[in-house]
Amino acid sequence: MFQVEKAILYAIDELNKSLIKRIAENEFNFGVHVAAYCERFERVDYLLHALEEKIDHKANRLFDEIKELKLQIKHKVRSDEG
């Protein structure tokens, strides 16, 4: 009976070591995946910000060109009247 008890305790100890090892590996792998996710998130955020800046710049240029065209049309109408 003593050998059976010893074998059971040994099996429990080995299982405990195995579980601890697997948990540590999973924590490491999870950390790696979280770091990769954070890196991708930061890159996407950077790209979105750059795209927003580009869209704003083009919209502002378009607005300025529209104002210039309105002034040119207004000037042309006045010169045609005179």
N, C-alpha and C. Protein backbone atom coordinates (compact mmCIF):
# COMPACT_ATOMS: atom_id res chain seq x y z
N MET A 1 0.83 -1.19 0.00
CA MET A 1 0.00 0.00 0.00
C MET A 1 0.87 1.25 0.00
N PHE A 2 1.98 1.22 0.66
CA PHE A 2 2.88 2.37 0.73
C PHE A 2 3.42 2.72 -0.65
N GLN A 3 3.73 1.71 -1.46
CA GLN A 3 4.25 1.96 -2.81
C GLN A 3 3.17 2.56 -3.71
N VAL A 4 1.93 2.15 -3.55
CA VAL A 4 0.82 2.69 -4.34
C VAL A 4 0.64 4.17 -3.99
N GLU A 5 0.68 4.47 -2.71
CA GLU A 5 0.53 5.85 -2.26
C GLU A 5 1.68 6.70 -2.78
N LYS A 6 2.89 6.16 -2.74
CA LYS A 6 4.07 6.86 -3.22
C LYS A 6 3.95 7.10 -4.73
N ALA A 7 3.47 6.12 -5.47
CA ALA A 7 3.30 6.25 -6.92
C ALA A 7 2.24 7.31 -7.24
N ILE A 8 1.17 7.34 -6.47
CA ILE A 8 0.11 8.34 -6.68
C ILE A 8 0.66 9.74 -6.41
N LEU A 9 1.38 9.90 -5.30
CA LEU A 9 1.95 11.20 -4.97
C LEU A 9 2.97 11.63 -6.03
N TYR A 10 3.75 10.70 -6.53
CA TYR A 10 4.72 11.00 -7.59
C TYR A 10 4.00 11.45 -8.86
N ALA A 11 2.92 10.76 -9.22
CA ALA A 11 2.14 11.12 -10.41
C ALA A 11 1.52 12.50 -10.25
N ILE A 12 1.03 12.79 -9.04
CA ILE A 12 0.44 14.10 -8.77
C ILE A 12 1.52 15.18 -8.88
N ASP A 13 2.69 14.92 -8.35
CA ASP A 13 3.79 15.88 -8.42
C ASP A 13 4.21 16.12 -9.87
N GLU A 14 4.31 15.08 -10.66
CA GLU A 14 4.68 15.22 -12.08
C GLU A 14 3.61 16.00 -12.84
N LEU A 15 2.36 15.70 -12.54
CA LEU A 15 1.26 16.43 -13.18
C LEU A 15 1.31 17.90 -12.80
N ASN A 16 1.58 18.18 -11.54
CA ASN A 16 1.69 19.56 -11.06
C ASN A 16 2.81 20.28 -11.81
N LYS A 17 3.99 19.66 -11.94
CA LYS A 17 5.11 20.26 -12.66
C LYS A 17 4.74 20.49 -14.13
N SER A 18 4.07 19.51 -14.71
CA SER A 18 3.67 19.63 -16.11
C SER A 18 2.69 20.80 -16.31
N LEU A 19 1.73 20.92 -15.41
CA LEU A 19 0.76 22.01 -15.51
C LEU A 19 1.42 23.37 -15.32
N ILE A 20 2.32 23.46 -14.37
CA ILE A 20 3.04 24.72 -14.15
C ILE A 20 3.83 25.11 -15.40
N LYS A 21 4.49 24.13 -16.01
CA LYS A 21 5.27 24.38 -17.23
C LYS A 21 4.35 24.85 -18.36
N ARG A 22 3.23 24.17 -18.54
CA ARG A 22 2.30 24.55 -19.61
C ARG A 22 1.71 25.93 -19.38
N ILE A 23 1.39 26.25 -18.13
CA ILE A 23 0.85 27.58 -17.80
C ILE A 23 1.89 28.65 -18.11
N ALA A 24 3.15 28.40 -17.74
CA ALA A 24 4.22 29.36 -18.02
C ALA A 24 4.39 29.57 -19.52
N GLU A 25 4.34 28.48 -20.29
CA GLU A 25 4.46 28.58 -21.75
C GLU A 25 3.29 29.36 -22.33
N ASN A 26 2.08 29.10 -21.83
CA ASN A 26 0.91 29.82 -22.31
C ASN A 26 0.99 31.31 -21.96
N GLU A 27 1.48 31.63 -20.78
CA GLU A 27 1.64 33.03 -20.41
C GLU A 27 2.62 33.72 -21.33
N PHE A 28 3.73 33.05 -21.63
CA PHE A 28 4.72 33.62 -22.54
C PHE A 28 4.12 33.83 -23.92
N ASN A 29 3.44 32.80 -24.45
CA ASN A 29 2.83 32.91 -25.78
C ASN A 29 1.78 34.01 -25.80
N PHE A 30 1.01 34.12 -24.73
CA PHE A 30 0.00 35.17 -24.65
C PHE A 30 0.66 36.54 -24.66
N GLY A 31 1.76 36.67 -23.93
CA GLY A 31 2.50 37.94 -23.91
C GLY A 31 3.01 38.31 -25.29
N VAL A 32 3.50 37.32 -26.03
CA VAL A 32 3.99 37.56 -27.39
C VAL A 32 2.84 38.04 -28.28
N HIS A 33 1.69 37.37 -28.17
CA HIS A 33 0.54 37.76 -29.00
C HIS A 33 0.01 39.14 -28.62
N VAL A 34 0.01 39.46 -27.35
CA VAL A 34 -0.44 40.78 -26.92
C VAL A 34 0.49 41.86 -27.46
N ALA A 35 1.79 41.60 -27.41
CA ALA A 35 2.76 42.57 -27.94
C ALA A 35 2.56 42.76 -29.44
N ALA A 36 2.34 41.68 -30.17
CA ALA A 36 2.11 41.77 -31.62
C ALA A 36 0.82 42.54 -31.90
N TYR A 37 -0.23 42.28 -31.10
CA TYR A 37 -1.49 42.99 -31.28
C TYR A 37 -1.30 44.49 -31.03
N CYS A 38 -0.59 44.83 -29.97
CA CYS A 38 -0.36 46.24 -29.65
C CYS A 38 0.42 46.93 -30.77
N GLU A 39 1.39 46.22 -31.32
CA GLU A 39 2.18 46.78 -32.42
C GLU A 39 1.30 47.01 -33.65
N ARG A 40 0.48 46.02 -33.98
CA ARG A 40 -0.42 46.18 -35.13
C ARG A 40 -1.43 47.30 -34.89
N PHE A 41 -1.96 47.39 -33.67
CA PHE A 41 -2.93 48.43 -33.34
C PHE A 41 -2.29 49.81 -33.49
N GLU A 42 -1.06 49.95 -33.00
CA GLU A 42 -0.36 51.23 -33.10
C GLU A 42 -0.11 51.59 -34.56
N ARG A 43 0.27 50.61 -35.37
CA ARG A 43 0.51 50.87 -36.79
C ARG A 43 -0.77 51.28 -37.50
N VAL A 44 -1.86 50.60 -37.24
CA VAL A 44 -3.14 50.95 -37.86
C VAL A 44 -3.56 52.35 -37.42
N ASP A 45 -3.38 52.65 -36.14
CA ASP A 45 -3.72 53.97 -35.64
C ASP A 45 -2.90 55.05 -36.35
N TYR A 46 -1.60 54.78 -36.53
CA TYR A 46 -0.72 55.71 -37.23
C TYR A 46 -1.18 55.90 -38.67
N LEU A 47 -1.50 54.81 -39.35
CA LEU A 47 -1.94 54.90 -40.75
C LEU A 47 -3.26 55.64 -40.88
N LEU A 48 -4.19 55.39 -39.94
CA LEU A 48 -5.47 56.11 -39.98
C LEU A 48 -5.26 57.60 -39.76
N HIS A 49 -4.39 57.95 -38.83
CA HIS A 49 -4.11 59.36 -38.59
C HIS A 49 -3.50 60.01 -39.83
N ALA A 50 -2.56 59.32 -40.47
CA ALA A 50 -1.94 59.84 -41.69
C ALA A 50 -2.98 60.02 -42.79
N LEU A 51 -3.90 59.07 -42.91
CA LEU A 51 -4.95 59.17 -43.92
C LEU A 51 -5.89 60.33 -43.62
N GLU A 52 -6.25 60.52 -42.36
CA GLU A 52 -7.10 61.66 -41.98
C GLU A 52 -6.42 62.98 -42.32
N GLU A 53 -5.12 63.06 -42.03
CA GLU A 53 -4.37 64.29 -42.35
C GLU A 53 -4.36 64.53 -43.86
N LYS A 54 -4.18 63.48 -44.64
CA LYS A 54 -4.15 63.62 -46.09
C LYS A 54 -5.51 64.08 -46.62
N ILE A 55 -6.57 63.49 -46.09
CA ILE A 55 -7.93 63.87 -46.51
C ILE A 55 -8.20 65.32 -46.14
N ASP A 56 -7.84 65.72 -44.92
CA ASP A 56 -8.04 67.11 -44.49
C ASP A 56 -7.26 68.07 -45.39
N HIS A 57 -6.02 67.71 -45.71
CA HIS A 57 -5.21 68.57 -46.56
C HIS A 57 -5.84 68.74 -47.94
N LYS A 58 -6.28 67.63 -48.51
CA LYS A 58 -6.90 67.71 -49.84
C LYS A 58 -8.21 68.49 -49.80
N ALA A 59 -8.99 68.32 -48.74
CA ALA A 59 -10.24 69.06 -48.60
C ALA A 59 -9.97 70.55 -48.47
N ASN A 60 -8.95 70.91 -47.71
CA ASN A 60 -8.61 72.33 -47.56
C ASN A 60 -8.13 72.92 -48.88
N ARG A 61 -7.33 72.17 -49.64
CA ARG A 61 -6.88 72.66 -50.94
C ARG A 61 -8.07 72.84 -51.89
N LEU A 62 -9.00 71.89 -51.86
CA LEU A 62 -10.18 71.99 -52.70
C LEU A 62 -11.01 73.21 -52.32
N PHE A 63 -11.17 73.42 -51.03
CA PHE A 63 -11.94 74.59 -50.56
C PHE A 63 -11.28 75.88 -51.01
N ASP A 64 -9.95 75.96 -50.92
CA ASP A 64 -9.23 77.15 -51.36
C ASP A 64 -9.39 77.36 -52.86
N GLU A 65 -9.33 76.28 -53.64
CA GLU A 65 -9.50 76.41 -55.09
C GLU A 65 -10.91 76.88 -55.44
N ILE A 66 -11.90 76.39 -54.70
CA ILE A 66 -13.28 76.82 -54.94
C ILE A 66 -13.41 78.31 -54.65
N LYS A 67 -12.80 78.78 -53.57
CA LYS A 67 -12.85 80.21 -53.25
C LYS A 67 -12.18 81.03 -54.35
N GLU A 68 -11.05 80.55 -54.85
CA GLU A 68 -10.36 81.25 -55.94
C GLU A 68 -11.22 81.32 -57.19
N LEU A 69 -11.86 80.19 -57.53
CA LEU A 69 -12.73 80.17 -58.71
C LEU A 69 -13.91 81.12 -58.55
N LYS A 70 -14.49 81.19 -57.36
CA LYS A 70 -15.59 82.12 -57.11
C LYS A 70 -15.14 83.56 -57.31
N LEU A 71 -13.93 83.87 -56.80
CA LEU A 71 -13.41 85.23 -56.98
C LEU A 71 -13.15 85.52 -58.45
N GLN A 72 -12.61 84.54 -59.18
CA GLN A 72 -12.35 84.74 -60.61
C GLN A 72 -13.64 84.95 -61.37
N ILE A 73 -14.67 84.17 -61.03
CA ILE A 73 -15.97 84.32 -61.70
C ILE A 73 -16.56 85.69 -61.39
N LYS A 74 -16.48 86.08 -60.12
CA LYS A 74 -17.00 87.38 -59.71
C LYS A 74 -16.26 88.51 -60.42
N HIS A 75 -14.93 88.40 -60.54
CA HIS A 75 -14.12 89.40 -61.22
C HIS A 75 -14.45 89.44 -62.71
N LYS A 76 -14.65 88.26 -63.30
CA LYS A 76 -14.96 88.19 -64.73
C LYS A 76 -16.33 88.82 -65.00
N VAL A 77 -17.30 88.56 -64.14
CA VAL A 77 -18.64 89.13 -64.32
C VAL A 77 -18.57 90.65 -64.23
N ARG A 78 -17.80 91.16 -63.29
CA ARG A 78 -17.66 92.61 -63.15
C ARG A 78 -16.93 93.21 -64.34
N SER A 79 -15.92 92.55 -64.85
CA SER A 79 -15.18 93.08 -66.00
C SER A 79 -16.03 93.03 -67.27
N ASP A 80 -16.94 92.03 -67.36
CA ASP A 80 -17.83 91.96 -68.53
C ASP A 80 -18.88 93.05 -68.47
N GLU A 81 -19.27 93.45 -67.27
CA GLU A 81 -20.29 94.50 -67.12
C GLU A 81 -19.70 95.86 -67.50
N GLY A 82 -18.43 96.02 -67.24
CA GLY A 82 -17.79 97.34 -67.42
C GLY A 82 -17.26 97.56 -68.76
